[in-house]
PDB file of all heavy atoms in Angstrom:
ATOM      1  N   MET A   1      22.039   9.547  11.358  1.00  0.00           N
ATOM      2  CA  MET A   1      22.565  10.257  12.525  1.00  0.00           C
ATOM      3  C   MET A   1      23.975  10.747  12.242  1.00  0.00           C
ATOM      4  O   MET A   1      24.301  11.928  12.454  1.00  0.00           O
ATOM      5  CB  MET A   1      22.558   9.344  13.747  1.00  0.00           C
ATOM      6  CG  MET A   1      23.173   9.939  15.004  1.00  0.00           C
ATOM      7  SD  MET A   1      24.993   9.819  15.114  1.00  0.00           S
ATOM      8  CE  MET A   1      25.216   8.037  15.253  1.00  0.00           C
ATOM      9  N   GLU A   2      24.829   9.863  11.745  1.00  0.00           N
ATOM     10  CA  GLU A   2      26.220  10.222  11.512  1.00  0.00           C
ATOM     11  C   GLU A   2      26.336  11.334  10.461  1.00  0.00           C
ATOM     12  O   GLU A   2      27.089  12.301  10.644  1.00  0.00           O
ATOM     13  CB  GLU A   2      27.017   9.002  11.080  1.00  0.00           C
ATOM     14  CG  GLU A   2      28.477   9.319  10.819  1.00  0.00           C
ATOM     15  CD  GLU A   2      29.315   8.082  10.528  1.00  0.00           C
ATOM     16  OE1 GLU A   2      28.944   6.979  10.981  1.00  0.00           O
ATOM     17  OE2 GLU A   2      30.351   8.239   9.851  1.00  0.00           O
ATOM     18  N   GLU A   3      25.604  11.208   9.390  1.00  0.00           N
ATOM     19  CA  GLU A   3      25.666  12.232   8.342  1.00  0.00           C
ATOM     20  C   GLU A   3      25.221  13.583   8.880  1.00  0.00           C
ATOM     21  O   GLU A   3      25.849  14.619   8.603  1.00  0.00           O
ATOM     22  CB  GLU A   3      24.791  11.829   7.159  1.00  0.00           C
ATOM     23  CG  GLU A   3      24.815  12.854   6.025  1.00  0.00           C
ATOM     24  CD  GLU A   3      23.909  12.466   4.864  1.00  0.00           C
ATOM     25  OE1 GLU A   3      23.107  11.530   5.015  1.00  0.00           O
ATOM     26  OE2 GLU A   3      24.010  13.117   3.809  1.00  0.00           O
ATOM     27  N   SER A   4      24.144  13.597   9.669  1.00  0.00           N
ATOM     28  CA  SER A   4      23.640  14.842  10.234  1.00  0.00           C
ATOM     29  C   SER A   4      24.667  15.497  11.144  1.00  0.00           C
ATOM     30  O   SER A   4      24.898  16.715  11.079  1.00  0.00           O
ATOM     31  CB  SER A   4      22.348  14.561  11.001  1.00  0.00           C
ATOM     32  OG  SER A   4      21.896  15.722  11.658  1.00  0.00           O
ATOM     33  N   VAL A   5      25.305  14.703  12.002  1.00  0.00           N
ATOM     34  CA  VAL A   5      26.292  15.250  12.938  1.00  0.00           C
ATOM     35  C   VAL A   5      27.488  15.816  12.190  1.00  0.00           C
ATOM     36  O   VAL A   5      27.976  16.915  12.484  1.00  0.00           O
ATOM     37  CB  VAL A   5      26.727  14.171  13.944  1.00  0.00           C
ATOM     38  CG1 VAL A   5      27.914  14.651  14.767  1.00  0.00           C
ATOM     39  CG2 VAL A   5      25.557  13.808  14.860  1.00  0.00           C
ATOM     40  N   ARG A   6      27.976  15.091  11.200  1.00  0.00           N
ATOM     41  CA  ARG A   6      29.129  15.576  10.430  1.00  0.00           C
ATOM     42  C   ARG A   6      28.796  16.881   9.707  1.00  0.00           C
ATOM     43  O   ARG A   6      29.614  17.817   9.691  1.00  0.00           O
ATOM     44  CB  ARG A   6      29.577  14.509   9.434  1.00  0.00           C
ATOM     45  CG  ARG A   6      30.248  13.292  10.075  1.00  0.00           C
ATOM     46  CD  ARG A   6      30.741  12.308   9.016  1.00  0.00           C
ATOM     47  NE  ARG A   6      31.312  11.104   9.590  1.00  0.00           N
ATOM     48  CZ  ARG A   6      32.588  10.973   9.997  1.00  0.00           C
ATOM     49  NH1 ARG A   6      33.410  12.007   9.893  1.00  0.00           N
ATOM     50  NH2 ARG A   6      33.013   9.836  10.500  1.00  0.00           N
ATOM     51  N   LEU A   7      27.616  16.961   9.115  1.00  0.00           N
ATOM     52  CA  LEU A   7      27.219  18.180   8.415  1.00  0.00           C
ATOM     53  C   LEU A   7      27.133  19.364   9.366  1.00  0.00           C
ATOM     54  O   LEU A   7      27.578  20.476   9.046  1.00  0.00           O
ATOM     55  CB  LEU A   7      25.876  17.963   7.721  1.00  0.00           C
ATOM     56  CG  LEU A   7      25.900  17.118   6.445  1.00  0.00           C
ATOM     57  CD1 LEU A   7      24.475  16.832   5.980  1.00  0.00           C
ATOM     58  CD2 LEU A   7      26.687  17.816   5.338  1.00  0.00           C
ATOM     59  N   ARG A   8      26.561  19.145  10.540  1.00  0.00           N
ATOM     60  CA  ARG A   8      26.419  20.237  11.506  1.00  0.00           C
ATOM     61  C   ARG A   8      27.779  20.719  12.011  1.00  0.00           C
ATOM     62  O   ARG A   8      27.991  21.920  12.199  1.00  0.00           O
ATOM     63  CB  ARG A   8      25.555  19.794  12.678  1.00  0.00           C
ATOM     64  CG  ARG A   8      24.070  19.709  12.339  1.00  0.00           C
ATOM     65  CD  ARG A   8      23.255  19.234  13.515  1.00  0.00           C
ATOM     66  NE  ARG A   8      21.918  18.824  13.091  1.00  0.00           N
ATOM     67  CZ  ARG A   8      21.171  17.959  13.737  1.00  0.00           C
ATOM     68  NH1 ARG A   8      21.617  17.411  14.852  1.00  0.00           N
ATOM     69  NH2 ARG A   8      19.964  17.638  13.292  1.00  0.00           N
ATOM     70  N   MET A   9      28.698  19.806  12.237  1.00  0.00           N
ATOM     71  CA  MET A   9      30.026  20.196  12.703  1.00  0.00           C
ATOM     72  C   MET A   9      30.756  21.013  11.645  1.00  0.00           C
ATOM     73  O   MET A   9      31.440  21.997  11.962  1.00  0.00           O
ATOM     74  CB  MET A   9      30.836  18.965  13.096  1.00  0.00           C
ATOM     75  CG  MET A   9      30.351  18.293  14.370  1.00  0.00           C
ATOM     76  SD  MET A   9      31.473  16.998  14.968  1.00  0.00           S
ATOM     77  CE  MET A   9      31.345  15.792  13.653  1.00  0.00           C
ATOM     78  N   ARG A  10      30.619  20.636  10.382  1.00  0.00           N
ATOM     79  CA  ARG A  10      31.260  21.405   9.313  1.00  0.00           C
ATOM     80  C   ARG A  10      30.596  22.772   9.161  1.00  0.00           C
ATOM     81  O   ARG A  10      31.273  23.786   8.923  1.00  0.00           O
ATOM     82  CB  ARG A  10      31.221  20.624   8.002  1.00  0.00           C
ATOM     83  CG  ARG A  10      32.161  19.422   7.987  1.00  0.00           C
ATOM     84  CD  ARG A  10      32.401  18.905   6.584  1.00  0.00           C
ATOM     85  NE  ARG A  10      31.218  18.304   5.995  1.00  0.00           N
ATOM     86  CZ  ARG A  10      30.897  17.016   6.102  1.00  0.00           C
ATOM     87  NH1 ARG A  10      31.694  16.180   6.763  1.00  0.00           N
ATOM     88  NH2 ARG A  10      29.810  16.541   5.524  1.00  0.00           N
ATOM     89  N   ALA A  11      29.255  22.806   9.303  1.00  0.00           N
ATOM     90  CA  ALA A  11      28.549  24.088   9.235  1.00  0.00           C
ATOM     91  C   ALA A  11      28.974  25.008  10.372  1.00  0.00           C
ATOM     92  O   ALA A  11      29.137  26.228  10.175  1.00  0.00           O
ATOM     93  CB  ALA A  11      27.048  23.855   9.267  1.00  0.00           C
ATOM     94  N   SER A  12      29.157  24.456  11.548  1.00  0.00           N
ATOM     95  CA  SER A  12      29.602  25.262  12.688  1.00  0.00           C
ATOM     96  C   SER A  12      30.984  25.843  12.436  1.00  0.00           C
ATOM     97  O   SER A  12      31.249  27.020  12.738  1.00  0.00           O
ATOM     98  CB  SER A  12      29.615  24.411  13.967  1.00  0.00           C
ATOM     99  OG  SER A  12      28.303  24.040  14.342  1.00  0.00           O
ATOM    100  N   ALA A  13      31.879  25.028  11.882  1.00  0.00           N
ATOM    101  CA  ALA A  13      33.226  25.516  11.581  1.00  0.00           C
ATOM    102  C   ALA A  13      33.179  26.642  10.557  1.00  0.00           C
ATOM    103  O   ALA A  13      33.906  27.645  10.670  1.00  0.00           O
ATOM    104  CB  ALA A  13      34.088  24.367  11.071  1.00  0.00           C
ATOM    105  N   HIS A  14      32.311  26.500   9.565  1.00  0.00           N
ATOM    106  CA  HIS A  14      32.162  27.563   8.566  1.00  0.00           C
ATOM    107  C   HIS A  14      31.655  28.845   9.220  1.00  0.00           C
ATOM    108  O   HIS A  14      32.173  29.941   8.971  1.00  0.00           O
ATOM    109  CB  HIS A  14      31.185  27.096   7.480  1.00  0.00           C
ATOM    110  CG  HIS A  14      30.900  28.147   6.443  1.00  0.00           C
ATOM    111  ND1 HIS A  14      29.850  29.045   6.570  1.00  0.00           N
ATOM    112  CD2 HIS A  14      31.523  28.457   5.276  1.00  0.00           C
ATOM    113  CE1 HIS A  14      29.844  29.852   5.530  1.00  0.00           C
ATOM    114  NE2 HIS A  14      30.851  29.518   4.719  1.00  0.00           N
ATOM    115  N   ASP A  15      30.635  28.710  10.077  1.00  0.00           N
ATOM    116  CA  ASP A  15      30.084  29.877  10.754  1.00  0.00           C
ATOM    117  C   ASP A  15      31.117  30.555  11.643  1.00  0.00           C
ATOM    118  O   ASP A  15      31.085  31.769  11.838  1.00  0.00           O
ATOM    119  CB  ASP A  15      28.871  29.486  11.597  1.00  0.00           C
ATOM    120  CG  ASP A  15      27.687  29.055  10.753  1.00  0.00           C
ATOM    121  OD1 ASP A  15      27.689  29.306   9.531  1.00  0.00           O
ATOM    122  OD2 ASP A  15      26.754  28.438  11.319  1.00  0.00           O
ATOM    123  N   GLY A  16      32.019  29.743  12.186  1.00  0.00           N
ATOM    124  CA  GLY A  16      33.041  30.282  13.068  1.00  0.00           C
ATOM    125  C   GLY A  16      34.270  30.806  12.357  1.00  0.00           C
ATOM    126  O   GLY A  16      35.218  31.267  13.006  1.00  0.00           O
ATOM    127  N   GLY A  17      34.284  30.736  11.021  1.00  0.00           N
ATOM    128  CA  GLY A  17      35.411  31.261  10.259  1.00  0.00           C
ATOM    129  C   GLY A  17      36.639  30.382  10.285  1.00  0.00           C
ATOM    130  O   GLY A  17      37.756  30.849  10.005  1.00  0.00           O
ATOM    131  N   LEU A  18      36.458  29.083  10.593  1.00  0.00           N
ATOM    132  CA  LEU A  18      37.594  28.162  10.580  1.00  0.00           C
ATOM    133  C   LEU A  18      37.954  27.797   9.142  1.00  0.00           C
ATOM    134  O   LEU A  18      37.192  28.069   8.208  1.00  0.00           O
ATOM    135  CB  LEU A  18      37.270  26.905  11.388  1.00  0.00           C
ATOM    136  CG  LEU A  18      37.448  26.991  12.910  1.00  0.00           C
ATOM    137  CD1 LEU A  18      36.523  28.022  13.534  1.00  0.00           C
ATOM    138  CD2 LEU A  18      37.230  25.631  13.561  1.00  0.00           C
ATOM    139  N   VAL A  19      39.094  27.166   8.955  1.00  0.00           N
ATOM    140  CA  VAL A  19      39.570  26.828   7.618  1.00  0.00           C
ATOM    141  C   VAL A  19      38.625  25.837   6.951  1.00  0.00           C
ATOM    142  O   VAL A  19      37.897  25.091   7.620  1.00  0.00           O
ATOM    143  CB  VAL A  19      40.993  26.238   7.661  1.00  0.00           C
ATOM    144  CG1 VAL A  19      41.970  27.244   8.244  1.00  0.00           C
ATOM    145  CG2 VAL A  19      41.027  24.941   8.468  1.00  0.00           C
ATOM    146  N   SER A  20      38.637  25.831   5.643  1.00  0.00           N
ATOM    147  CA  SER A  20      37.793  24.930   4.873  1.00  0.00           C
ATOM    148  C   SER A  20      38.061  23.480   5.262  1.00  0.00           C
ATOM    149  O   SER A  20      39.220  23.065   5.395  1.00  0.00           O
ATOM    150  CB  SER A  20      38.055  25.119   3.380  1.00  0.00           C
ATOM    151  OG  SER A  20      37.285  24.208   2.613  1.00  0.00           O
ATOM    152  N   GLY A  21      36.990  22.715   5.459  1.00  0.00           N
ATOM    153  CA  GLY A  21      37.127  21.305   5.825  1.00  0.00           C
ATOM    154  C   GLY A  21      37.193  21.053   7.307  1.00  0.00           C
ATOM    155  O   GLY A  21      37.229  19.888   7.738  1.00  0.00           O
ATOM    156  N   ALA A  22      37.193  22.102   8.114  1.00  0.00           N
ATOM    157  CA  ALA A  22      37.275  21.941   9.568  1.00  0.00           C
ATOM    158  C   ALA A  22      35.915  21.558  10.142  1.00  0.00           C
ATOM    159  O   ALA A  22      34.875  21.667   9.486  1.00  0.00           O
ATOM    160  CB  ALA A  22      37.778  23.219  10.214  1.00  0.00           C
ATOM    161  N   SER A  23      35.931  21.101  11.386  1.00  0.00           N
ATOM    162  CA  SER A  23      34.717  20.785  12.128  1.00  0.00           C
ATOM    163  C   SER A  23      34.794  21.446  13.490  1.00  0.00           C
ATOM    164  O   SER A  23      35.874  21.562  14.078  1.00  0.00           O
ATOM    165  CB  SER A  23      34.548  19.270  12.297  1.00  0.00           C
ATOM    166  OG  SER A  23      34.283  18.652  11.053  1.00  0.00           O
ATOM    167  N   ALA A  24      33.638  21.866  14.002  1.00  0.00           N
ATOM    168  CA  ALA A  24      33.629  22.603  15.272  1.00  0.00           C
ATOM    169  C   ALA A  24      32.392  22.280  16.078  1.00  0.00           C
ATOM    170  O   ALA A  24      31.378  21.819  15.548  1.00  0.00           O
ATOM    171  CB  ALA A  24      33.709  24.109  15.021  1.00  0.00           C
ATOM    172  N   GLU A  25      32.497  22.546  17.372  1.00  0.00           N
ATOM    173  CA  GLU A  25      31.352  22.529  18.284  1.00  0.00           C
ATOM    174  C   GLU A  25      31.135  23.949  18.796  1.00  0.00           C
ATOM    175  O   GLU A  25      32.095  24.710  18.947  1.00  0.00           O
ATOM    176  CB  GLU A  25      31.603  21.561  19.446  1.00  0.00           C
ATOM    177  CG  GLU A  25      31.631  20.107  18.975  1.00  0.00           C
ATOM    178  CD  GLU A  25      32.109  19.126  20.038  1.00  0.00           C
ATOM    179  OE1 GLU A  25      32.806  19.548  20.994  1.00  0.00           O
ATOM    180  OE2 GLU A  25      31.797  17.936  19.901  1.00  0.00           O
ATOM    181  N   GLU A  26      29.872  24.290  19.048  1.00  0.00           N
ATOM    182  CA  GLU A  26      29.508  25.665  19.402  1.00  0.00           C
ATOM    183  C   GLU A  26      29.218  25.802  20.894  1.00  0.00           C
ATOM    184  O   GLU A  26      28.585  24.927  21.494  1.00  0.00           O
ATOM    185  CB  GLU A  26      28.272  26.101  18.612  1.00  0.00           C
ATOM    186  CG  GLU A  26      28.469  26.084  17.115  1.00  0.00           C
ATOM    187  CD  GLU A  26      27.236  26.562  16.369  1.00  0.00           C
ATOM    188  OE1 GLU A  26      26.326  27.145  17.007  1.00  0.00           O
ATOM    189  OE2 GLU A  26      27.180  26.344  15.141  1.00  0.00           O
TER     190      GLU A  26
END
């Protein structure tokens, strides 16, 4: 569960054009 959530947050940040290593919610 934890790994999945962390991966999704980093993927969201990438999709949103945030800086490398960031995490985001959509």
